[in-house]
Amino acid sequence: MAAEVEIGRGKSGRRAYALDEIGIVPSRRTRDPEEVSVAWQIDAYRFETPLLVAPMDSVVSPATAITIGQLGGLGVLDLEGLWTRYESPEPLLAEIASLDDARATLRLQQLYAEPIKEELIGRRIHEIREAGITVAASLTPQRTAKYYKAVIDAGVDIFVIRGTTVSAEHVSGRAEPLNLKQFIYELDVPVIVGGCATYTAALHLMRTGAAGVLVGFGGGSGHTTRTVLGVAVPMATAIADVAAARRDYMDESGGRYVHVIADGGMTNSGDIAKAFACGSDAVMVGSPFARATEAPGRGYHWGAEAHHGEVPRGARVDLGTIGNMDQILYGPAHVADGSMNLIGALRRAMATSGYSDLKEFQRVQVVVTPH
């Protein structure tokens, strides 16, 4: 365990590191980037890129989920978003892009107050299935028990339960909490669950039978969880801690491997490479794809926290557009800020440090670097 630092006489804590505070160390052996594999497999599903696109209305629609799937990634549709509240959300997405900053949060709250329609859940999943790609969709823990049957009946391949902070043991005097272990045991599809940010929380989530665990709690672009709630765990430390839980759970379970998926706070290709260096099996990103010309948000980006009815912990941010999804994933890049050719950059980082696949790359040496 890392030594604790004294904050004051009555409180101490660990020093934790963000992704921009570490660096990947090149090795004595290098490789050709074209000979590096970035393929990823979870359960029966194999992907040419280890990249999930976050369930956010500004990024993933049925159409963009199909595009992402055809490009080798996995787009996760938010089943509590505009696509399951409205028959035709396109005019509303155009309206959101036209709002001034002063009105954006209130209008988002109004739009997302429309009830979710169960028949639309099935229809959206069916739209993606028709394209012949792997279908992933997301619910929050609060709504999973109510809607999961519609999701399974519609033929989802990978079920994502995603919240700002998800625990295996939620205590509530108002409602019966979701029993994750029983729920996952009864499903026939792999479940990815999160976010979490500590070794202990991750270990408990792994014991529920989840196929993957999301590391993070809303630390991406436009999220203000740290400002509003004071909750923050820097991602490099969080990923490394959860990777340690994965290793210990493998020993405890007799070899069962749970995938660690970094979720949030990765805005460029260098962050993505460092997430793998810290122990991720895959990454979930939003903002890099919000800048795609096909993105439903038209260059604007927001998450579920932005329209929370009581405590908004996010904002609609204007990221602009830089290119299509193919260019953002595979290039060619025409800017030097790490926002395009994400997979090409990951390949080059792996090749520079001499590793041929992602599992090996998790062992790469890293250093702490000053800001």
Protein backbone atom coordinates (compact mmCIF):
# COMPACT_ATOMS: atom_id res chain seq x y z
CA MET A 1 0.00 0.00 0.00
CA ALA A 2 1.15 3.54 -0.73
CA ALA A 3 2.13 5.59 2.29
CA GLU A 4 -0.47 8.04 3.52
CA VAL A 5 0.26 11.74 3.44
CA GLU A 6 -0.75 13.90 6.36
CA ILE A 7 -3.26 16.52 5.25
CA GLY A 8 -3.57 17.89 8.77
CA ARG A 9 -3.35 16.47 12.28
CA GLY A 10 -6.81 14.96 12.06
CA LYS A 11 -6.79 13.68 8.47
CA SER A 12 -4.44 11.83 6.14
CA GLY A 13 -4.86 10.38 2.66
CA ARG A 14 -3.05 8.67 -0.19
CA ARG A 15 -1.36 10.64 -2.95
CA ALA A 16 -3.23 9.79 -6.15
CA TYR A 17 -2.31 10.53 -9.77
CA ALA A 18 -4.24 11.73 -12.79
CA LEU A 19 -3.45 10.47 -16.28
CA ASP A 20 -1.70 13.72 -17.18
CA GLU A 21 0.70 13.20 -14.25
CA ILE A 22 2.22 10.00 -15.59
CA GLY A 23 4.22 9.10 -18.66
CA ILE A 24 4.91 5.88 -20.61
CA VAL A 25 8.57 4.84 -20.71
CA PRO A 26 9.92 3.64 -24.10
CA SER A 27 11.97 0.45 -23.99
CA ARG A 28 15.13 -0.85 -25.69
CA ARG A 29 12.96 -2.80 -28.17
CA THR A 30 10.56 -1.12 -30.62
CA ARG A 31 8.10 -2.61 -33.10
CA ASP A 32 6.39 -1.72 -36.35
CA PRO A 33 3.05 -0.11 -35.40
CA GLU A 34 1.32 -2.13 -38.12
CA GLU A 35 2.34 -5.36 -36.36
CA VAL A 36 0.71 -4.35 -33.08
CA SER A 37 -2.69 -5.84 -32.18
CA VAL A 38 -5.27 -3.65 -30.44
CA ALA A 39 -8.06 -6.24 -30.65
CA TRP A 40 -10.20 -6.81 -27.57
CA GLN A 41 -12.59 -9.60 -26.64
CA ILE A 42 -15.18 -9.68 -23.86
CA ASP A 43 -17.21 -12.86 -23.44
CA ALA A 44 -18.04 -14.11 -26.97
CA TYR A 45 -17.65 -10.69 -28.59
CA ARG A 46 -14.45 -9.62 -30.35
CA PHE A 47 -13.69 -6.05 -31.42
CA GLU A 48 -10.91 -4.76 -33.63
CA THR A 49 -10.51 -1.73 -31.35
CA PRO A 50 -10.67 -1.70 -27.52
CA LEU A 51 -12.90 1.34 -27.53
CA LEU A 52 -16.45 1.80 -26.26
CA VAL A 53 -18.29 5.03 -27.01
CA ALA A 54 -20.12 6.30 -23.93
CA PRO A 55 -23.93 6.18 -23.64
CA MET A 56 -24.54 9.89 -24.11
CA ASP A 57 -27.13 11.45 -26.41
CA SER A 58 -24.57 13.91 -27.80
CA VAL A 59 -22.53 11.00 -29.15
CA VAL A 60 -24.50 7.76 -29.57
CA SER A 61 -27.71 7.48 -31.58
CA PRO A 62 -28.85 4.27 -33.29
CA ALA A 63 -27.17 5.53 -36.47
CA THR A 64 -23.82 6.37 -34.86
CA ALA A 65 -23.88 3.12 -32.84
CA ILE A 66 -24.05 1.33 -36.21
CA THR A 67 -21.20 3.43 -37.64
CA ILE A 68 -19.00 2.80 -34.60
CA GLY A 69 -19.73 -0.94 -34.79
CA GLN A 70 -18.83 -1.04 -38.48
CA LEU A 71 -15.54 0.71 -37.63
CA GLY A 72 -14.63 -2.01 -35.12
CA GLY A 73 -15.67 -0.37 -31.84
CA LEU A 74 -18.75 -0.58 -29.63
CA GLY A 75 -21.24 2.26 -29.29
CA VAL A 76 -23.40 2.06 -26.16
CA LEU A 77 -26.91 3.53 -26.49
CA ASP A 78 -28.37 5.38 -23.50
CA LEU A 79 -31.82 3.82 -22.96
CA GLU A 80 -32.83 6.72 -20.71
CA GLY A 81 -32.01 9.37 -23.30
CA LEU A 82 -33.97 11.26 -25.91
CA TRP A 83 -34.12 8.23 -28.21
CA THR A 84 -36.40 6.37 -25.79
CA ARG A 85 -38.42 9.42 -24.71
CA TYR A 86 -39.34 10.80 -28.15
CA GLU A 87 -40.33 9.22 -31.48
CA SER A 88 -38.21 11.75 -33.40
CA PRO A 89 -35.58 13.44 -31.23
CA GLU A 90 -33.65 15.04 -34.11
CA PRO A 91 -35.42 18.45 -33.84
CA LEU A 92 -34.73 18.47 -30.10
CA LEU A 93 -31.04 17.72 -30.64
CA ALA A 94 -30.93 20.65 -33.08
CA GLU A 95 -32.62 22.85 -30.46
CA ILE A 96 -30.08 21.85 -27.77
CA ALA A 97 -27.25 22.86 -30.10
CA SER A 98 -28.89 26.28 -30.63
CA LEU A 99 -29.33 27.20 -26.96
CA ASP A 100 -27.24 29.83 -25.24
CA ASP A 101 -25.30 28.71 -22.15
CA ALA A 102 -27.61 30.50 -19.72
CA ARG A 103 -30.65 28.48 -20.81
CA ALA A 104 -29.01 25.13 -21.61
CA THR A 105 -29.27 23.32 -18.25
CA LEU A 106 -32.91 24.30 -17.60
CA ARG A 107 -34.00 23.30 -21.11
CA LEU A 108 -32.17 19.97 -20.83
CA GLN A 109 -34.02 19.29 -17.58
CA GLN A 110 -37.34 20.05 -19.31
CA LEU A 111 -36.63 17.82 -22.31
CA TYR A 112 -35.50 14.88 -20.18
CA ALA A 113 -38.57 15.14 -17.94
CA GLU A 114 -40.55 13.37 -20.71
CA PRO A 115 -41.28 9.78 -19.60
CA ILE A 116 -39.31 6.86 -21.06
CA LYS A 117 -41.44 4.77 -23.42
CA GLU A 118 -40.81 1.05 -23.16
CA GLU A 119 -41.77 0.34 -26.77
CA LEU A 120 -39.04 2.74 -27.94
CA ILE A 121 -36.41 0.77 -26.00
CA GLY A 122 -37.19 -2.31 -28.07
CA ARG A 123 -37.39 -0.34 -31.31
CA ARG A 124 -34.00 1.37 -30.91
CA ILE A 125 -32.23 -1.89 -30.04
CA HIS A 126 -33.91 -3.55 -33.03
CA GLU A 127 -32.69 -0.73 -35.33
CA ILE A 128 -29.08 -1.41 -34.32
CA ARG A 129 -29.49 -5.20 -34.48
CA GLU A 130 -30.75 -4.94 -38.06
CA ALA A 131 -27.32 -3.63 -39.10
CA GLY A 132 -25.70 -6.90 -37.99
CA ILE A 133 -23.39 -5.45 -35.34
CA THR A 134 -22.95 -6.17 -31.63
CA VAL A 135 -25.61 -4.26 -29.67
CA ALA A 136 -24.78 -2.62 -26.34
CA ALA A 137 -27.19 -0.50 -24.34
CA SER A 138 -27.13 1.18 -20.96
CA LEU A 139 -29.46 1.77 -18.01
CA THR A 140 -28.77 3.35 -14.63
CA PRO A 141 -29.06 1.12 -11.55
CA GLN A 142 -32.22 2.98 -10.52
CA ARG A 143 -34.10 1.98 -13.69
CA THR A 144 -32.56 -1.41 -14.46
CA ALA A 145 -35.17 -3.49 -12.61
CA LYS A 146 -38.02 -1.67 -14.36
CA TYR A 147 -36.79 -1.89 -17.95
CA TYR A 148 -34.33 -4.78 -18.22
CA LYS A 149 -36.92 -7.25 -19.56
CA ALA A 150 -37.62 -4.98 -22.52
CA VAL A 151 -33.87 -4.71 -23.16
CA ILE A 152 -33.28 -8.47 -23.06
CA ASP A 153 -36.39 -9.24 -25.13
CA ALA A 154 -35.19 -6.82 -27.81
CA GLY A 155 -31.96 -8.80 -28.16
CA VAL A 156 -29.21 -6.72 -26.57
CA ASP A 157 -25.80 -8.45 -26.71
CA ILE A 158 -24.00 -6.57 -23.92
CA PHE A 159 -25.90 -4.92 -21.05
CA VAL A 160 -24.26 -1.89 -19.41
CA ILE A 161 -25.37 -0.70 -15.96
CA ARG A 162 -23.74 2.71 -15.63
CA GLY A 163 -24.10 5.33 -12.95
CA THR A 164 -22.02 8.13 -11.49
CA THR A 165 -21.05 5.80 -8.65
CA VAL A 166 -22.29 2.19 -8.56
CA SER A 167 -21.82 -0.07 -5.56
CA ALA A 168 -22.60 -3.72 -5.00
CA GLU A 169 -24.30 -2.68 -1.78
CA HIS A 170 -26.61 0.33 -2.06
CA VAL A 171 -28.41 1.29 1.13
CA SER A 172 -31.80 2.98 0.81
CA GLY A 173 -34.79 3.34 3.10
CA ARG A 174 -36.98 4.58 0.22
CA ALA A 175 -36.72 1.84 -2.40
CA GLU A 176 -35.65 -1.76 -2.83
CA PRO A 177 -32.11 -1.53 -4.22
CA LEU A 178 -30.99 -3.52 -7.24
CA ASN A 179 -29.43 -6.82 -6.14
CA LEU A 180 -26.63 -6.91 -8.69
CA LYS A 181 -25.44 -10.42 -7.93
CA GLN A 182 -28.88 -11.99 -8.28
CA PHE A 183 -29.70 -9.85 -11.32
CA ILE A 184 -26.51 -10.71 -13.23
CA TYR A 185 -26.80 -14.40 -12.31
CA GLU A 186 -30.26 -14.58 -13.89
CA LEU A 187 -29.27 -12.89 -17.17
CA ASP A 188 -27.95 -14.71 -20.22
CA VAL A 189 -25.94 -11.75 -21.51
CA PRO A 190 -22.64 -10.30 -20.28
CA VAL A 191 -23.05 -7.28 -18.00
CA ILE A 192 -20.64 -4.35 -17.68
CA VAL A 193 -21.18 -2.35 -14.50
CA GLY A 194 -19.76 0.83 -12.96
CA GLY A 195 -18.47 3.33 -12.17
CA CYS A 196 -16.18 2.64 -9.29
CA ALA A 197 -12.85 4.11 -8.34
CA THR A 198 -11.39 2.00 -5.53
CA TYR A 199 -9.94 -1.47 -5.06
CA THR A 200 -12.60 -2.53 -2.54
CA ALA A 201 -15.59 -1.27 -4.54
CA ALA A 202 -14.26 -2.95 -7.70
CA LEU A 203 -13.69 -6.27 -5.93
CA HIS A 204 -17.29 -6.27 -4.71
CA LEU A 205 -18.57 -5.49 -8.21
CA MET A 206 -16.44 -8.31 -9.67
CA ARG A 207 -18.00 -10.73 -7.18
CA THR A 208 -21.45 -9.97 -8.62
CA GLY A 209 -20.52 -11.89 -11.77
CA ALA A 210 -20.03 -8.84 -14.00
CA ALA A 211 -18.06 -9.40 -17.20
CA GLY A 212 -16.56 -5.92 -16.99
CA VAL A 213 -16.20 -3.09 -14.49
CA LEU A 214 -16.18 0.61 -15.43
CA VAL A 215 -13.56 2.73 -13.67
CA GLY A 216 -14.64 6.34 -13.19
CA PHE A 217 -17.62 8.27 -11.92
CA GLY A 218 -18.31 11.09 -14.31
CA GLY A 219 -14.88 12.63 -14.62
CA GLY A 220 -15.07 13.48 -18.31
CA SER A 221 -15.61 16.66 -20.29
CA GLY A 222 -18.47 18.78 -19.06
CA HIS A 223 -18.78 16.92 -15.75
CA THR A 224 -18.71 18.93 -12.55
CA THR A 225 -19.00 16.13 -10.01
CA ARG A 226 -15.82 17.31 -8.32
CA THR A 227 -17.11 20.88 -8.05
CA VAL A 228 -20.67 20.02 -6.98
CA LEU A 229 -20.11 16.99 -4.73
CA GLY A 230 -16.39 17.18 -3.97
CA VAL A 231 -16.03 13.58 -5.21
CA ALA A 232 -12.84 12.89 -7.17
CA VAL A 233 -10.34 10.05 -7.60
CA PRO A 234 -7.62 10.71 -10.21
CA MET A 235 -7.91 8.21 -13.05
CA ALA A 236 -4.37 6.78 -13.20
CA THR A 237 -4.57 5.69 -9.56
CA ALA A 238 -8.17 4.51 -9.89
CA ILE A 239 -7.37 2.31 -12.91
CA ALA A 240 -4.28 0.82 -11.24
CA ASP A 241 -6.24 0.07 -8.05
CA VAL A 242 -9.07 -1.64 -9.97
CA ALA A 243 -6.53 -3.60 -12.04
CA ALA A 244 -5.10 -4.89 -8.75
CA ALA A 245 -8.61 -5.99 -7.76
CA ARG A 246 -8.91 -7.84 -11.09
CA ARG A 247 -5.67 -9.73 -10.35
CA ASP A 248 -6.72 -10.63 -6.80
CA TYR A 249 -10.23 -11.63 -7.91
CA MET A 250 -8.70 -13.99 -10.49
CA ASP A 251 -6.85 -15.76 -7.66
CA GLU A 252 -9.94 -15.76 -5.44
CA SER A 253 -12.28 -17.09 -8.14
CA GLY A 254 -9.97 -19.71 -9.60
CA GLY A 255 -9.19 -17.85 -12.82
CA ARG A 256 -12.27 -15.78 -13.71
CA TYR A 257 -11.14 -12.67 -15.61
CA VAL A 258 -13.16 -9.45 -15.28
CA HIS A 259 -12.40 -6.71 -17.79
CA VAL A 260 -11.37 -3.30 -16.51
CA ILE A 261 -12.76 -0.45 -18.64
CA ALA A 262 -11.56 3.10 -17.98
CA ASP A 263 -14.52 5.46 -18.29
CA GLY A 264 -14.14 9.23 -18.41
CA GLY A 265 -11.42 11.84 -18.32
CA MET A 266 -9.68 10.72 -21.53
CA THR A 267 -9.86 13.55 -24.02
CA ASN A 268 -6.89 12.67 -26.25
CA SER A 269 -4.96 9.69 -27.57
CA GLY A 270 -2.19 10.06 -24.98
CA ASP A 271 -4.70 9.70 -22.14
CA ILE A 272 -6.09 6.57 -23.80
CA ALA A 273 -2.64 4.99 -24.14
CA LYS A 274 -1.85 5.78 -20.48
CA ALA A 275 -5.14 4.21 -19.36
CA PHE A 276 -3.97 0.92 -20.89
CA ALA A 277 -0.53 1.36 -19.36
CA CYS A 278 -2.22 1.59 -15.94
CA GLY A 279 -4.07 -1.68 -16.49
CA SER A 280 -7.22 -1.10 -18.56
CA ASP A 281 -8.49 -3.76 -20.96
CA ALA A 282 -10.60 -1.23 -22.87
CA VAL A 283 -11.65 2.41 -22.61
CA MET A 284 -15.01 4.18 -22.75
CA VAL A 285 -14.84 7.69 -24.21
CA GLY A 286 -17.36 10.36 -25.10
CA SER A 287 -15.91 13.76 -25.90
CA PRO A 288 -13.52 12.65 -28.70
CA PHE A 289 -16.55 11.38 -30.64
CA ALA A 290 -18.76 14.35 -29.76
CA ARG A 291 -16.47 16.21 -32.16
CA ALA A 292 -17.37 13.93 -35.09
CA THR A 293 -19.39 15.37 -37.95
CA GLU A 294 -21.95 12.54 -37.52
CA ALA A 295 -22.41 13.13 -33.76
CA PRO A 296 -26.04 13.84 -32.79
CA GLY A 297 -24.94 16.74 -30.54
CA ARG A 298 -23.62 18.73 -33.54
CA GLY A 299 -20.38 19.52 -31.73
CA TYR A 300 -22.03 20.01 -28.33
CA HIS A 301 -21.54 17.48 -25.57
CA TRP A 302 -23.48 16.65 -22.40
CA GLY A 303 -24.16 13.70 -20.15
CA ALA A 304 -26.97 12.55 -17.89
CA GLU A 305 -25.51 14.51 -14.98
CA ALA A 306 -26.15 17.75 -16.89
CA HIS A 307 -29.94 17.38 -16.79
CA HIS A 308 -30.37 15.88 -13.32
CA GLY A 309 -33.59 17.28 -11.89
CA GLU A 310 -32.21 18.10 -8.44
CA VAL A 311 -28.40 18.32 -8.50
CA PRO A 312 -26.96 18.94 -11.98
CA ARG A 313 -23.30 17.89 -12.02
CA GLY A 314 -22.45 18.61 -15.61
CA ALA A 315 -22.72 21.17 -18.35
CA ARG A 316 -23.39 21.26 -22.05
CA VAL A 317 -20.01 22.09 -23.58
CA ASP A 318 -19.19 23.31 -27.08
CA LEU A 319 -16.40 21.14 -28.50
CA GLY A 320 -16.89 21.89 -32.18
CA THR A 321 -16.31 19.35 -34.97
CA ILE A 322 -13.00 18.18 -36.39
CA GLY A 323 -13.72 15.25 -38.74
CA ASN A 324 -15.77 12.12 -39.23
CA MET A 325 -15.72 9.08 -36.94
CA ASP A 326 -13.41 7.13 -39.24
CA GLN A 327 -10.83 9.94 -39.11
CA ILE A 328 -11.12 10.29 -35.33
CA LEU A 329 -10.51 6.55 -34.92
CA TYR A 330 -8.05 5.80 -37.72
CA GLY A 331 -6.90 9.11 -39.19
CA PRO A 332 -5.37 10.69 -41.06
CA ALA A 333 -5.04 13.40 -38.42
CA HIS A 334 -4.75 17.02 -39.51
CA VAL A 335 -4.25 18.40 -35.98
CA ALA A 336 -1.45 17.68 -33.51
CA ASP A 337 -3.44 17.63 -30.26
CA GLY A 338 -4.22 13.91 -30.01
CA SER A 339 -7.89 14.29 -30.95
CA MET A 340 -7.69 12.28 -34.21
CA ASN A 341 -6.34 8.86 -35.21
CA LEU A 342 -6.81 7.57 -31.67
CA ILE A 343 -6.06 3.97 -32.65
CA GLY A 344 -3.02 4.88 -34.73
CA ALA A 345 -1.60 6.76 -31.75
CA LEU A 346 -2.28 3.82 -29.42
CA ARG A 347 -0.51 1.47 -31.84
CA ARG A 348 2.48 3.81 -31.98
CA ALA A 349 2.66 4.11 -28.18
CA MET A 350 2.66 0.32 -27.89
CA ALA A 351 5.23 -0.05 -30.68
CA THR A 352 7.53 2.58 -29.15
CA SER A 353 7.61 0.66 -25.90
CA GLY A 354 8.01 -2.73 -27.59
CA TYR A 355 4.68 -4.43 -26.89
CA SER A 356 2.67 -6.37 -29.45
CA ASP A 357 -0.73 -6.63 -27.74
CA LEU A 358 -2.76 -4.84 -25.08
CA LYS A 359 -2.37 -7.50 -22.40
CA GLU A 360 1.42 -7.17 -22.62
CA PHE A 361 1.21 -3.37 -22.77
CA GLN A 362 -0.39 -3.31 -19.30
CA ARG A 363 3.09 -4.19 -17.99
CA VAL A 364 4.82 -1.16 -19.54
CA GLN A 365 6.90 0.99 -17.22
CA VAL A 366 5.44 4.37 -16.28
CA VAL A 367 6.89 7.37 -14.48
CA VAL A 368 5.39 10.22 -12.51
CA THR A 369 5.87 13.47 -14.43
CA PRO A 370 5.44 17.06 -13.25
CA HIS A 371 2.52 19.05 -14.64
